[in-house]
Amino acid sequence: MVRIRQWLPALVISLLTSGSVYFLTQQSQKKIAVVDAVKLFNSFTMKKEMEAEAGGRLSFYEHKLDSISMQLQAAKNSAVPAEHLIQNYEQLKAMLDNEYANSNQAINEAVWKRLNPIIDGYGKDKGYHLIIGANGMGSVLYNDNYYDITDQVINHANKVYEGNR
């Protein structure tokens, strides 16, 4: 009995110290997550809507190109000169390429402008200290999915977007 009383204060102090160290260690650890930026971008509803809208404009040019291409094929089988068709085709092809590039740039800028604050808010709300964008082409080349919150961020981003339309 006397021996227990001698060790009891030391045991209590040891347990309190261990508990305090554990608590402080847990508090000081940073909450980190990884998001597949390409999957997030491609799954964002706003991006899909903007692509569908742009697709209508682009399909107009594609149909015109197809029509001129068919006329060129027919002209090859006849003696009719097709220089004006070739010029029209080249001009229309340049317009399509330009519209496609402008459309992609506009979509990328608009989507990331909308996504960045949503991701910031998500990180703050969930207590993350760092959310790393990964897609296999940047600095995060491997991740074992332990830190991957891509699907949660996609769901959150689409809910926020759809609620603000």
C-alpha atoms as a PDB file:
ATOM      1  CA  MET A   1       0.000   0.000   0.000  1.00  0.00           C
ATOM      2  CA  VAL A   2       2.831   2.346   0.855  1.00  0.00           C
ATOM      3  CA  ARG A   3       4.534   1.593  -2.451  1.00  0.00           C
ATOM      4  CA  ILE A   4       1.393   2.528  -4.435  1.00  0.00           C
ATOM      5  CA  ARG A   5       1.148   5.853  -2.612  1.00  0.00           C
ATOM      6  CA  GLN A   6       4.754   6.591  -3.501  1.00  0.00           C
ATOM      7  CA  TRP A   7       4.240   5.896  -7.202  1.00  0.00           C
ATOM      8  CA  LEU A   8       0.737   7.343  -7.551  1.00  0.00           C
ATOM      9  CA  PRO A   9       1.780  11.016  -7.896  1.00  0.00           C
ATOM     10  CA  ALA A  10       4.448  10.076 -10.420  1.00  0.00           C
ATOM     11  CA  LEU A  11       1.947   7.942 -12.347  1.00  0.00           C
ATOM     12  CA  VAL A  12      -0.671  10.727 -12.405  1.00  0.00           C
ATOM     13  CA  ILE A  13       1.902  13.286 -13.524  1.00  0.00           C
ATOM     14  CA  SER A  14       3.150  10.890 -16.188  1.00  0.00           C
ATOM     15  CA  LEU A  15      -0.371  10.274 -17.503  1.00  0.00           C
ATOM     16  CA  LEU A  16      -1.191  13.987 -17.517  1.00  0.00           C
ATOM     17  CA  THR A  17       2.042  14.765 -19.334  1.00  0.00           C
ATOM     18  CA  SER A  18       1.455  12.035 -21.907  1.00  0.00           C
ATOM     19  CA  GLY A  19      -2.118  13.194 -22.463  1.00  0.00           C
ATOM     20  CA  SER A  20      -1.021  16.806 -22.825  1.00  0.00           C
ATOM     21  CA  VAL A  21       1.717  15.899 -25.316  1.00  0.00           C
ATOM     22  CA  TYR A  22      -0.722  13.805 -27.331  1.00  0.00           C
ATOM     23  CA  PHE A  23      -3.325  16.578 -27.327  1.00  0.00           C
ATOM     24  CA  LEU A  24      -0.805  19.239 -28.374  1.00  0.00           C
ATOM     25  CA  THR A  25       0.602  16.991 -31.080  1.00  0.00           C
ATOM     26  CA  GLN A  26      -2.854  16.388 -32.495  1.00  0.00           C
ATOM     27  CA  GLN A  27      -3.678  20.098 -32.373  1.00  0.00           C
ATOM     28  CA  SER A  28      -0.500  21.114 -34.155  1.00  0.00           C
ATOM     29  CA  GLN A  29      -0.908  18.676 -37.040  1.00  0.00           C
ATOM     30  CA  LYS A  30      -2.027  20.365 -40.200  1.00  0.00           C
ATOM     31  CA  LYS A  31      -5.089  19.078 -42.021  1.00  0.00           C
ATOM     32  CA  ILE A  32      -4.057  18.433 -45.628  1.00  0.00           C
ATOM     33  CA  ALA A  33      -6.048  17.176 -48.602  1.00  0.00           C
ATOM     34  CA  VAL A  34      -5.532  16.427 -52.278  1.00  0.00           C
ATOM     35  CA  VAL A  35      -7.996  17.232 -55.071  1.00  0.00           C
ATOM     36  CA  ASP A  36      -7.696  15.988 -58.646  1.00  0.00           C
ATOM     37  CA  ALA A  37      -7.937  19.387 -60.327  1.00  0.00           C
ATOM     38  CA  VAL A  38      -8.742  17.982 -63.775  1.00  0.00           C
ATOM     39  CA  LYS A  39     -11.549  15.770 -62.455  1.00  0.00           C
ATOM     40  CA  LEU A  40     -12.923  18.683 -60.427  1.00  0.00           C
ATOM     41  CA  PHE A  41     -12.806  21.014 -63.438  1.00  0.00           C
ATOM     42  CA  ASN A  42     -14.403  18.497 -65.802  1.00  0.00           C
ATOM     43  CA  SER A  43     -17.123  17.546 -63.294  1.00  0.00           C
ATOM     44  CA  PHE A  44     -18.139  21.113 -62.472  1.00  0.00           C
ATOM     45  CA  THR A  45     -21.685  21.779 -63.722  1.00  0.00           C
ATOM     46  CA  MET A  46     -20.858  25.307 -64.874  1.00  0.00           C
ATOM     47  CA  LYS A  47     -18.123  23.961 -67.179  1.00  0.00           C
ATOM     48  CA  LYS A  48     -20.500  21.407 -68.687  1.00  0.00           C
ATOM     49  CA  GLU A  49     -23.123  24.106 -69.306  1.00  0.00           C
ATOM     50  CA  MET A  50     -20.620  26.459 -70.899  1.00  0.00           C
ATOM     51  CA  GLU A  51     -19.288  23.680 -73.144  1.00  0.00           C
ATOM     52  CA  ALA A  52     -22.802  22.790 -74.262  1.00  0.00           C
ATOM     53  CA  GLU A  53     -23.468  26.430 -75.115  1.00  0.00           C
ATOM     54  CA  ALA A  54     -20.176  26.738 -76.990  1.00  0.00           C
ATOM     55  CA  GLY A  55     -20.861  23.440 -78.743  1.00  0.00           C
ATOM     56  CA  GLY A  56     -23.849  24.992 -80.497  1.00  0.00           C
ATOM     57  CA  ARG A  57     -21.716  27.793 -81.902  1.00  0.00           C
ATOM     58  CA  LEU A  58     -18.943  25.403 -82.904  1.00  0.00           C
ATOM     59  CA  SER A  59     -21.294  22.935 -84.578  1.00  0.00           C
ATOM     60  CA  PHE A  60     -22.481  25.725 -86.910  1.00  0.00           C
ATOM     61  CA  TYR A  61     -18.930  26.077 -88.228  1.00  0.00           C
ATOM     62  CA  GLU A  62     -18.460  22.300 -88.368  1.00  0.00           C
ATOM     63  CA  HIS A  63     -21.620  21.860 -90.478  1.00  0.00           C
ATOM     64  CA  LYS A  64     -20.476  24.588 -92.857  1.00  0.00           C
ATOM     65  CA  LEU A  65     -17.056  22.914 -93.167  1.00  0.00           C
ATOM     66  CA  ASP A  66     -18.704  19.566 -93.884  1.00  0.00           C
ATOM     67  CA  SER A  67     -20.846  21.170 -96.565  1.00  0.00           C
ATOM     68  CA  ILE A  68     -17.864  22.799 -98.270  1.00  0.00           C
ATOM     69  CA  SER A  69     -15.885  19.557 -97.966  1.00  0.00           C
ATOM     70  CA  MET A  70     -18.672  17.695 -99.770  1.00  0.00           C
ATOM     71  CA  GLN A  71     -18.700  20.379-102.480  1.00  0.00           C
ATOM     72  CA  LEU A  72     -14.928  20.011-102.827  1.00  0.00           C
ATOM     73  CA  GLN A  73     -15.275  16.246-103.244  1.00  0.00           C
ATOM     74  CA  ALA A  74     -17.892  16.781-105.951  1.00  0.00           C
ATOM     75  CA  ALA A  75     -15.699  19.391-107.641  1.00  0.00           C
ATOM     76  CA  LYS A  76     -12.765  16.955-107.799  1.00  0.00           C
ATOM     77  CA  ASN A  77     -14.876  14.695-109.995  1.00  0.00           C
ATOM     78  CA  SER A  78     -15.818  17.492-112.361  1.00  0.00           C
ATOM     79  CA  ALA A  79     -13.996  19.993-114.488  1.00  0.00           C
ATOM     80  CA  VAL A  80     -15.313  22.951-112.442  1.00  0.00           C
ATOM     81  CA  PRO A  81     -12.520  24.939-110.739  1.00  0.00           C
ATOM     82  CA  ALA A  82     -12.763  24.724-106.958  1.00  0.00           C
ATOM     83  CA  GLU A  83     -10.419  27.544-105.925  1.00  0.00           C
ATOM     84  CA  HIS A  84     -13.181  29.589-104.312  1.00  0.00           C
ATOM     85  CA  LEU A  85     -14.344  26.494-102.371  1.00  0.00           C
ATOM     86  CA  ILE A  86     -10.800  25.910-101.103  1.00  0.00           C
ATOM     87  CA  GLN A  87     -10.539  29.548 -99.992  1.00  0.00           C
ATOM     88  CA  ASN A  88     -13.924  29.357 -98.252  1.00  0.00           C
ATOM     89  CA  TYR A  89     -12.927  26.117 -96.567  1.00  0.00           C
ATOM     90  CA  GLU A  90      -9.616  27.534 -95.313  1.00  0.00           C
ATOM     91  CA  GLN A  91     -11.272  30.724 -94.035  1.00  0.00           C
ATOM     92  CA  LEU A  92     -14.006  28.794 -92.270  1.00  0.00           C
ATOM     93  CA  LYS A  93     -11.479  26.347 -90.811  1.00  0.00           C
ATOM     94  CA  ALA A  94      -9.436  29.278 -89.430  1.00  0.00           C
ATOM     95  CA  MET A  95     -12.622  30.783 -87.952  1.00  0.00           C
ATOM     96  CA  LEU A  96     -13.521  27.443 -86.328  1.00  0.00           C
ATOM     97  CA  ASP A  97     -10.027  27.040 -84.867  1.00  0.00           C
ATOM     98  CA  ASN A  98     -10.134  30.600 -83.539  1.00  0.00           C
ATOM     99  CA  GLU A  99     -13.618  30.184 -82.048  1.00  0.00           C
ATOM    100  CA  TYR A 100     -12.581  26.899 -80.445  1.00  0.00           C
ATOM    101  CA  ALA A 101      -9.458  28.436 -78.865  1.00  0.00           C
ATOM    102  CA  ASN A 102     -11.354  31.517 -77.646  1.00  0.00           C
ATOM    103  CA  SER A 103     -14.151  29.359 -76.281  1.00  0.00           C
ATOM    104  CA  ASN A 104     -11.739  27.105 -74.358  1.00  0.00           C
ATOM    105  CA  GLN A 105      -9.914  30.093 -72.905  1.00  0.00           C
ATOM    106  CA  ALA A 106     -13.144  31.805 -71.862  1.00  0.00           C
ATOM    107  CA  ILE A 107     -14.484  28.613 -70.268  1.00  0.00           C
ATOM    108  CA  ASN A 108     -11.231  27.951 -68.389  1.00  0.00           C
ATOM    109  CA  GLU A 109     -11.056  31.493 -67.031  1.00  0.00           C
ATOM    110  CA  ALA A 110     -14.718  31.670 -66.023  1.00  0.00           C
ATOM    111  CA  VAL A 111     -14.785  28.241 -64.391  1.00  0.00           C
ATOM    112  CA  TRP A 112     -11.609  28.758 -62.337  1.00  0.00           C
ATOM    113  CA  LYS A 113     -12.769  32.240 -61.364  1.00  0.00           C
ATOM    114  CA  ARG A 114     -15.909  30.606 -59.936  1.00  0.00           C
ATOM    115  CA  LEU A 115     -14.238  27.483 -58.521  1.00  0.00           C
ATOM    116  CA  ASN A 116     -11.362  29.123 -56.623  1.00  0.00           C
ATOM    117  CA  PRO A 117     -13.523  30.952 -54.054  1.00  0.00           C
ATOM    118  CA  ILE A 118     -15.704  27.854 -53.642  1.00  0.00           C
ATOM    119  CA  ILE A 119     -12.622  25.733 -52.888  1.00  0.00           C
ATOM    120  CA  ASP A 120     -11.300  28.409 -50.502  1.00  0.00           C
ATOM    121  CA  GLY A 121     -14.613  28.428 -48.636  1.00  0.00           C
ATOM    122  CA  TYR A 122     -14.736  24.641 -48.524  1.00  0.00           C
ATOM    123  CA  GLY A 123     -11.228  24.466 -47.103  1.00  0.00           C
ATOM    124  CA  LYS A 124     -11.990  27.046 -44.436  1.00  0.00           C
ATOM    125  CA  ASP A 125     -15.332  25.459 -43.491  1.00  0.00           C
ATOM    126  CA  LYS A 126     -13.790  21.988 -43.176  1.00  0.00           C
ATOM    127  CA  GLY A 127     -10.696  23.175 -41.295  1.00  0.00           C
ATOM    128  CA  TYR A 128      -8.100  22.340 -43.936  1.00  0.00           C
ATOM    129  CA  HIS A 129      -4.758  24.071 -43.779  1.00  0.00           C
ATOM    130  CA  LEU A 130      -3.751  23.005 -47.279  1.00  0.00           C
ATOM    131  CA  ILE A 131      -5.588  21.608 -50.298  1.00  0.00           C
ATOM    132  CA  ILE A 132      -3.207  20.469 -53.005  1.00  0.00           C
ATOM    133  CA  GLY A 133      -4.304  20.232 -56.633  1.00  0.00           C
ATOM    134  CA  ALA A 134      -3.109  17.031 -58.254  1.00  0.00           C
ATOM    135  CA  ASN A 135      -3.568  15.517 -61.664  1.00  0.00           C
ATOM    136  CA  GLY A 136      -0.383  13.547 -62.322  1.00  0.00           C
ATOM    137  CA  MET A 137       1.125  16.371 -64.361  1.00  0.00           C
ATOM    138  CA  GLY A 138       2.346  18.580 -61.525  1.00  0.00           C
ATOM    139  CA  SER A 139       4.094  18.350 -58.217  1.00  0.00           C
ATOM    140  CA  VAL A 140       1.838  15.627 -56.747  1.00  0.00           C
ATOM    141  CA  LEU A 141       2.643  12.590 -58.810  1.00  0.00           C
ATOM    142  CA  TYR A 142       1.221  10.002 -56.431  1.00  0.00           C
ATOM    143  CA  ASN A 143      -1.356   9.985 -53.673  1.00  0.00           C
ATOM    144  CA  ASP A 144      -2.778   6.884 -52.011  1.00  0.00           C
ATOM    145  CA  ASN A 145      -6.290   8.386 -51.775  1.00  0.00           C
ATOM    146  CA  TYR A 146      -5.982   8.859 -48.006  1.00  0.00           C
ATOM    147  CA  TYR A 147      -5.914  12.627 -48.504  1.00  0.00           C
ATOM    148  CA  ASP A 148      -8.092  12.689 -51.654  1.00  0.00           C
ATOM    149  CA  ILE A 149     -11.278  14.737 -51.196  1.00  0.00           C
ATOM    150  CA  THR A 150     -11.969  15.297 -54.907  1.00  0.00           C
ATOM    151  CA  ASP A 151     -15.497  13.871 -54.882  1.00  0.00           C
ATOM    152  CA  GLN A 152     -16.492  15.851 -51.775  1.00  0.00           C
ATOM    153  CA  VAL A 153     -15.204  19.085 -53.347  1.00  0.00           C
ATOM    154  CA  ILE A 154     -16.989  18.343 -56.643  1.00  0.00           C
ATOM    155  CA  ASN A 155     -20.279  17.762 -54.800  1.00  0.00           C
ATOM    156  CA  HIS A 156     -19.821  20.927 -52.738  1.00  0.00           C
ATOM    157  CA  ALA A 157     -18.850  23.062 -55.748  1.00  0.00           C
ATOM    158  CA  ASN A 158     -21.841  21.897 -57.788  1.00  0.00           C
ATOM    159  CA  LYS A 159     -24.237  22.495 -54.885  1.00  0.00           C
ATOM    160  CA  VAL A 160     -22.885  26.023 -54.378  1.00  0.00           C
ATOM    161  CA  TYR A 161     -23.018  26.736 -58.121  1.00  0.00           C
ATOM    162  CA  GLU A 162     -26.513  25.365 -58.573  1.00  0.00           C
ATOM    163  CA  GLY A 163     -27.727  27.281 -55.526  1.00  0.00           C
ATOM    164  CA  ASN A 164     -26.405  30.560 -56.948  1.00  0.00           C
ATOM    165  CA  ARG A 165     -27.778  30.295 -60.482  1.00  0.00           C
END
